[in-house]
C-alpha atoms as a PDB file:
ATOM      1  CA  MET A   1      53.009 -36.662 -12.990  1.00  0.00           C
ATOM      2  CA  GLY A   2      55.979 -33.768 -13.364  1.00  0.00           C
ATOM      3  CA  GLU A   3      57.122 -30.627 -12.413  1.00  0.00           C
ATOM      4  CA  VAL A   4      57.612 -27.313 -13.545  1.00  0.00           C
ATOM      5  CA  ARG A   5      58.894 -24.093 -12.232  1.00  0.00           C
ATOM      6  CA  ILE A   6      57.318 -20.540 -11.378  1.00  0.00           C
ATOM      7  CA  ALA A   7      59.957 -18.395 -13.913  1.00  0.00           C
ATOM      8  CA  SER A   8      59.288 -14.846 -12.578  1.00  0.00           C
ATOM      9  CA  GLY A   9      57.338 -12.850 -10.149  1.00  0.00           C
ATOM     10  CA  ARG A  10      56.882 -13.640  -6.236  1.00  0.00           C
ATOM     11  CA  PHE A  11      57.078 -17.379  -6.442  1.00  0.00           C
ATOM     12  CA  ARG A  12      59.987 -17.336  -8.789  1.00  0.00           C
ATOM     13  CA  GLY A  13      61.882 -21.080  -8.615  1.00  0.00           C
ATOM     14  CA  ARG A  14      59.266 -22.480  -6.877  1.00  0.00           C
ATOM     15  CA  LYS A  15      58.312 -25.902  -8.070  1.00  0.00           C
ATOM     16  CA  ILE A  16      54.803 -26.895  -8.943  1.00  0.00           C
ATOM     17  CA  LYS A  17      53.555 -30.361 -10.123  1.00  0.00           C
ATOM     18  CA  THR A  18      52.138 -31.250 -13.242  1.00  0.00           C
ATOM     19  CA  PRO A  19      49.548 -33.800 -14.715  1.00  0.00           C
ATOM     20  CA  SER A  20      51.134 -36.651 -17.014  1.00  0.00           C
ATOM     21  CA  GLU A  21      51.487 -35.515 -20.305  1.00  0.00           C
ATOM     22  CA  GLU A  22      48.788 -38.009 -21.317  1.00  0.00           C
ATOM     23  CA  THR A  23      45.845 -35.615 -20.169  1.00  0.00           C
ATOM     24  CA  THR A  24      47.510 -32.250 -20.238  1.00  0.00           C
ATOM     25  CA  ARG A  25      50.704 -29.970 -21.798  1.00  0.00           C
ATOM     26  CA  PRO A  26      52.030 -27.967 -19.126  1.00  0.00           C
ATOM     27  CA  LEU A  27      53.071 -24.764 -21.250  1.00  0.00           C
ATOM     28  CA  LEU A  28      56.925 -24.449 -21.152  1.00  0.00           C
ATOM     29  CA  THR A  29      58.713 -22.731 -18.248  1.00  0.00           C
ATOM     30  CA  ARG A  30      60.185 -20.125 -21.292  1.00  0.00           C
ATOM     31  CA  LEU A  31      56.251 -19.364 -22.659  1.00  0.00           C
ATOM     32  CA  ARG A  32      54.638 -18.706 -19.731  1.00  0.00           C
ATOM     33  CA  LYS A  33      57.544 -15.901 -18.925  1.00  0.00           C
ATOM     34  CA  SER A  34      57.041 -14.539 -21.984  1.00  0.00           C
ATOM     35  CA  LEU A  35      53.385 -14.419 -21.855  1.00  0.00           C
ATOM     36  CA  ALA A  36      53.678 -12.916 -18.550  1.00  0.00           C
ATOM     37  CA  ASP A  37      56.411 -10.159 -19.753  1.00  0.00           C
ATOM     38  CA  VAL A  38      53.685  -9.694 -23.009  1.00  0.00           C
ATOM     39  CA  MET A  39      50.733  -8.995 -20.546  1.00  0.00           C
ATOM     40  CA  ARG A  40      53.163  -7.015 -17.531  1.00  0.00           C
ATOM     41  CA  PRO A  41      51.385  -3.744 -18.279  1.00  0.00           C
ATOM     42  CA  GLN A  42      47.964  -5.670 -17.283  1.00  0.00           C
ATOM     43  CA  ILE A  43      48.782  -7.774 -15.252  1.00  0.00           C
ATOM     44  CA  ALA A  44      48.758  -5.720 -11.920  1.00  0.00           C
ATOM     45  CA  GLY A  45      45.233  -6.065 -10.234  1.00  0.00           C
ATOM     46  CA  SER A  46      43.868  -8.211 -12.560  1.00  0.00           C
ATOM     47  CA  ARG A  47      41.139 -11.140 -12.213  1.00  0.00           C
ATOM     48  CA  ILE A  48      41.853 -14.036 -14.490  1.00  0.00           C
ATOM     49  CA  LEU A  49      39.509 -16.370 -15.996  1.00  0.00           C
ATOM     50  CA  ASP A  50      41.500 -19.649 -17.210  1.00  0.00           C
ATOM     51  CA  LEU A  51      38.917 -21.796 -19.002  1.00  0.00           C
ATOM     52  CA  PHE A  52      41.236 -25.200 -19.127  1.00  0.00           C
ATOM     53  CA  GLY A  53      43.496 -25.304 -16.418  1.00  0.00           C
ATOM     54  CA  GLY A  54      45.630 -27.765 -17.277  1.00  0.00           C
ATOM     55  CA  SER A  55      48.497 -27.774 -14.691  1.00  0.00           C
ATOM     56  CA  GLY A  56      47.580 -23.896 -13.456  1.00  0.00           C
ATOM     57  CA  ALA A  57      50.629 -22.980 -14.085  1.00  0.00           C
ATOM     58  CA  ILE A  58      49.781 -20.183 -16.897  1.00  0.00           C
ATOM     59  CA  VAL A  59      47.498 -18.766 -13.786  1.00  0.00           C
ATOM     60  CA  LEU A  60      50.027 -19.450 -11.212  1.00  0.00           C
ATOM     61  CA  GLU A  61      52.676 -17.719 -13.171  1.00  0.00           C
ATOM     62  CA  LEU A  62      50.108 -14.266 -13.588  1.00  0.00           C
ATOM     63  CA  ILE A  63      49.397 -14.590 -10.040  1.00  0.00           C
ATOM     64  CA  SER A  64      53.000 -14.344  -9.042  1.00  0.00           C
ATOM     65  CA  ASN A  65      53.532 -11.473 -11.399  1.00  0.00           C
ATOM     66  CA  GLY A  66      50.827  -9.566  -9.358  1.00  0.00           C
ATOM     67  CA  ALA A  67      47.243 -10.352 -10.719  1.00  0.00           C
ATOM     68  CA  ASP A  68      45.020 -10.410  -7.650  1.00  0.00           C
ATOM     69  CA  SER A  69      42.799 -13.415  -8.347  1.00  0.00           C
ATOM     70  CA  ALA A  70      42.134 -15.965 -10.814  1.00  0.00           C
ATOM     71  CA  VAL A  71      39.593 -18.728 -11.287  1.00  0.00           C
ATOM     72  CA  ILE A  72      40.213 -21.868 -12.732  1.00  0.00           C
ATOM     73  CA  VAL A  73      38.044 -24.201 -14.772  1.00  0.00           C
ATOM     74  CA  GLU A  74      39.566 -27.821 -15.476  1.00  0.00           C
ATOM     75  CA  LEU A  75      37.107 -30.733 -16.327  1.00  0.00           C
ATOM     76  CA  ASP A  76      39.616 -33.612 -15.249  1.00  0.00           C
ATOM     77  CA  LYS A  77      39.507 -34.773 -11.876  1.00  0.00           C
ATOM     78  CA  ARG A  78      43.070 -35.525 -11.639  1.00  0.00           C
ATOM     79  CA  ALA A  79      44.158 -32.460 -13.168  1.00  0.00           C
ATOM     80  CA  ALA A  80      41.897 -30.952 -10.913  1.00  0.00           C
ATOM     81  CA  ASP A  81      43.172 -32.049  -7.880  1.00  0.00           C
ATOM     82  CA  LEU A  82      46.917 -31.032  -8.883  1.00  0.00           C
ATOM     83  CA  ILE A  83      46.234 -27.663  -9.431  1.00  0.00           C
ATOM     84  CA  SER A  84      44.123 -27.659  -6.148  1.00  0.00           C
ATOM     85  CA  SER A  85      47.619 -28.927  -3.913  1.00  0.00           C
ATOM     86  CA  ASN A  86      49.640 -26.357  -6.206  1.00  0.00           C
ATOM     87  CA  VAL A  87      47.487 -23.562  -5.022  1.00  0.00           C
ATOM     88  CA  PHE A  88      47.548 -24.966  -1.784  1.00  0.00           C
ATOM     89  CA  SER A  89      51.262 -25.225  -1.618  1.00  0.00           C
ATOM     90  CA  LEU A  90      52.187 -22.136  -2.623  1.00  0.00           C
ATOM     91  CA  ASN A  91      49.115 -20.544   0.157  1.00  0.00           C
ATOM     92  CA  LEU A  92      46.909 -18.902  -2.615  1.00  0.00           C
ATOM     93  CA  GLN A  93      43.558 -20.505  -1.621  1.00  0.00           C
ATOM     94  CA  LYS A  94      42.404 -17.097  -1.458  1.00  0.00           C
ATOM     95  CA  GLU A  95      43.192 -15.763  -4.574  1.00  0.00           C
ATOM     96  CA  ILE A  96      42.366 -18.476  -6.725  1.00  0.00           C
ATOM     97  CA  GLU A  97      39.433 -20.794  -7.460  1.00  0.00           C
ATOM     98  CA  LEU A  98      39.115 -23.979  -8.461  1.00  0.00           C
ATOM     99  CA  LEU A  99      36.187 -25.298 -10.393  1.00  0.00           C
ATOM    100  CA  ASN A 100      36.012 -28.954 -12.060  1.00  0.00           C
ATOM    101  CA  MET A 101      33.492 -28.738 -14.600  1.00  0.00           C
ATOM    102  CA  ASP A 102      33.202 -28.022 -18.252  1.00  0.00           C
ATOM    103  CA  ALA A 103      35.061 -24.687 -19.254  1.00  0.00           C
ATOM    104  CA  VAL A 104      32.484 -23.862 -22.189  1.00  0.00           C
ATOM    105  CA  ASP A 105      29.922 -24.821 -19.912  1.00  0.00           C
ATOM    106  CA  SER A 106      30.860 -22.402 -17.077  1.00  0.00           C
ATOM    107  CA  ILE A 107      30.817 -19.240 -19.035  1.00  0.00           C
ATOM    108  CA  ALA A 108      27.193 -18.985 -18.763  1.00  0.00           C
ATOM    109  CA  SER A 109      27.286 -19.275 -14.933  1.00  0.00           C
ATOM    110  CA  PHE A 110      29.674 -16.792 -14.995  1.00  0.00           C
ATOM    111  CA  SER A 111      27.559 -14.584 -16.890  1.00  0.00           C
ATOM    112  CA  LEU A 112      24.517 -15.348 -14.675  1.00  0.00           C
ATOM    113  CA  LYS A 113      26.565 -14.771 -11.346  1.00  0.00           C
ATOM    114  CA  GLY A 114      27.449 -10.852 -13.015  1.00  0.00           C
ATOM    115  CA  LYS A 115      31.309 -11.802 -13.312  1.00  0.00           C
ATOM    116  CA  THR A 116      34.062 -10.177 -15.340  1.00  0.00           C
ATOM    117  CA  PHE A 117      37.204 -10.752 -15.601  1.00  0.00           C
ATOM    118  CA  ASP A 118      40.446  -8.553 -17.022  1.00  0.00           C
ATOM    119  CA  ILE A 119      42.483 -11.614 -18.714  1.00  0.00           C
ATOM    120  CA  ILE A 120      40.822 -14.632 -20.260  1.00  0.00           C
ATOM    121  CA  VAL A 121      42.396 -17.396 -21.246  1.00  0.00           C
ATOM    122  CA  ILE A 122      41.908 -19.930 -23.381  1.00  0.00           C
ATOM    123  CA  ALA A 123      44.194 -22.732 -23.729  1.00  0.00           C
ATOM    124  CA  PRO A 124      42.763 -25.850 -24.477  1.00  0.00           C
ATOM    125  CA  PRO A 125      43.925 -29.124 -25.643  1.00  0.00           C
ATOM    126  CA  TYR A 126      44.856 -28.730 -29.290  1.00  0.00           C
ATOM    127  CA  GLY A 127      42.931 -30.369 -32.799  1.00  0.00           C
ATOM    128  CA  LEU A 128      39.939 -30.395 -30.503  1.00  0.00           C
ATOM    129  CA  SER A 129      38.611 -26.754 -32.108  1.00  0.00           C
ATOM    130  CA  LEU A 130      37.670 -25.727 -28.645  1.00  0.00           C
ATOM    131  CA  GLN A 131      39.409 -22.416 -29.001  1.00  0.00           C
ATOM    132  CA  GLN A 132      36.600 -21.312 -31.704  1.00  0.00           C
ATOM    133  CA  LYS A 133      33.920 -22.748 -29.639  1.00  0.00           C
ATOM    134  CA  ALA A 134      35.113 -21.436 -25.929  1.00  0.00           C
ATOM    135  CA  PHE A 135      35.595 -17.816 -27.634  1.00  0.00           C
ATOM    136  CA  ASP A 136      31.913 -17.893 -29.318  1.00  0.00           C
ATOM    137  CA  VAL A 137      30.382 -18.398 -26.116  1.00  0.00           C
ATOM    138  CA  LEU A 138      32.277 -15.609 -24.640  1.00  0.00           C
ATOM    139  CA  SER A 139      30.907 -13.514 -27.091  1.00  0.00           C
ATOM    140  CA  ASP A 140      27.217 -14.368 -26.299  1.00  0.00           C
ATOM    141  CA  HIS A 141      28.072 -13.368 -22.850  1.00  0.00           C
ATOM    142  CA  ASN A 142      29.589 -10.041 -21.155  1.00  0.00           C
ATOM    143  CA  ILE A 143      32.377 -11.375 -18.974  1.00  0.00           C
ATOM    144  CA  LEU A 144      35.239  -9.785 -19.968  1.00  0.00           C
ATOM    145  CA  SER A 145      35.800  -6.318 -18.540  1.00  0.00           C
ATOM    146  CA  PRO A 146      35.974  -3.453 -20.860  1.00  0.00           C
ATOM    147  CA  GLN A 147      39.748  -3.062 -20.982  1.00  0.00           C
ATOM    148  CA  GLY A 148      40.064  -6.738 -20.755  1.00  0.00           C
ATOM    149  CA  VAL A 149      41.754  -9.355 -23.087  1.00  0.00           C
ATOM    150  CA  ILE A 150      41.186 -12.805 -24.471  1.00  0.00           C
ATOM    151  CA  ILE A 151      44.517 -14.495 -24.780  1.00  0.00           C
ATOM    152  CA  VAL A 152      43.773 -17.982 -27.378  1.00  0.00           C
ATOM    153  CA  GLN A 153      46.764 -20.794 -27.093  1.00  0.00           C
ATOM    154  CA  ARG A 154      46.574 -22.805 -30.346  1.00  0.00           C
ATOM    155  CA  ASP A 155      48.858 -24.950 -32.304  1.00  0.00           C
ATOM    156  CA  LYS A 156      50.686 -23.588 -35.577  1.00  0.00           C
ATOM    157  CA  LYS A 157      49.069 -26.139 -37.375  1.00  0.00           C
ATOM    158  CA  GLU A 158      45.506 -24.801 -36.095  1.00  0.00           C
ATOM    159  CA  PRO A 159      43.862 -21.849 -37.651  1.00  0.00           C
ATOM    160  CA  PRO A 160      43.576 -18.209 -35.839  1.00  0.00           C
ATOM    161  CA  CYS A 161      39.992 -18.168 -34.193  1.00  0.00           C
ATOM    162  CA  ASP A 162      37.311 -16.305 -36.236  1.00  0.00           C
ATOM    163  CA  VAL A 163      36.513 -13.295 -34.551  1.00  0.00           C
ATOM    164  CA  PRO A 164      32.960 -12.732 -33.560  1.00  0.00           C
ATOM    165  CA  GLU A 165      30.970  -9.913 -33.369  1.00  0.00           C
ATOM    166  CA  GLY A 166      31.908  -6.992 -30.623  1.00  0.00           C
ATOM    167  CA  PHE A 167      35.754  -8.316 -30.730  1.00  0.00           C
ATOM    168  CA  VAL A 168      38.837  -7.322 -32.294  1.00  0.00           C
ATOM    169  CA  PHE A 169      42.173  -9.421 -33.005  1.00  0.00           C
ATOM    170  CA  THR A 170      45.041  -7.300 -31.478  1.00  0.00           C
ATOM    171  CA  ARG A 171      48.322  -9.047 -31.839  1.00  0.00           C
ATOM    172  CA  THR A 172      50.079 -12.924 -32.389  1.00  0.00           C
ATOM    173  CA  ARG A 173      52.871 -14.235 -30.329  1.00  0.00           C
ATOM    174  CA  ASN A 174      54.513 -17.041 -32.239  1.00  0.00           C
ATOM    175  CA  TYR A 175      56.940 -19.082 -30.026  1.00  0.00           C
ATOM    176  CA  GLY A 176      57.708 -22.236 -32.752  1.00  0.00           C
ATOM    177  CA  ARG A 177      54.842 -24.755 -32.137  1.00  0.00           C
ATOM    178  CA  THR A 178      52.720 -22.516 -29.660  1.00  0.00           C
ATOM    179  CA  ILE A 179      51.042 -19.196 -30.659  1.00  0.00           C
ATOM    180  CA  PHE A 180      48.990 -16.719 -28.705  1.00  0.00           C
ATOM    181  CA  ASP A 181      46.733 -14.546 -30.531  1.00  0.00           C
ATOM    182  CA  PHE A 182      45.229 -11.842 -28.554  1.00  0.00           C
ATOM    183  CA  TYR A 183      41.878  -9.954 -28.736  1.00  0.00           C
ATOM    184  CA  SER A 184      40.254  -7.399 -26.758  1.00  0.00           C
ATOM    185  CA  ARG A 185      36.637  -5.751 -27.183  1.00  0.00           C
ATOM    186  CA  ASN A 186      36.006  -3.446 -30.173  1.00  0.00           C
ATOM    187  CA  SER A 187      35.833   0.022 -28.927  1.00  0.00           C
END
């Protein structure tokens, strides 16, 4: 187990626990801060879905910067327990819902419940092609709000996602090995 600090916003400097690197790779502090800076115009009041929660650090950074609420989906029970502990330590139980289940399978359940999100983060383990699988399933379900953004995190060795019908690629941010690709609805 390790720790990282929240880099910006109301929880700036607060430590959160992270799972061992065998089960997840917590996003570096400077990358989380950069992501929050890039997303700043859209964070305030937003509803976030993090499909591969890992350490929960991305959502905690975005909540710290003004997002209203989030759902974190994490399959690994130990990682989910740590996320839950972090949510509790920051007193964010009302703002963050944690689901311990398969991320791709969760998408259909959100659609059935009529839930929509303003920011959807797809940051799965590298090398398993889960980015494309999750994006393809998202394209079959209408859970992204009309002005929403999908953020796909990938390793520089992995190809960008093929853009499903109804979506458009908007930009890329490259941070060495880590790449964020941004997508929105085709208007």
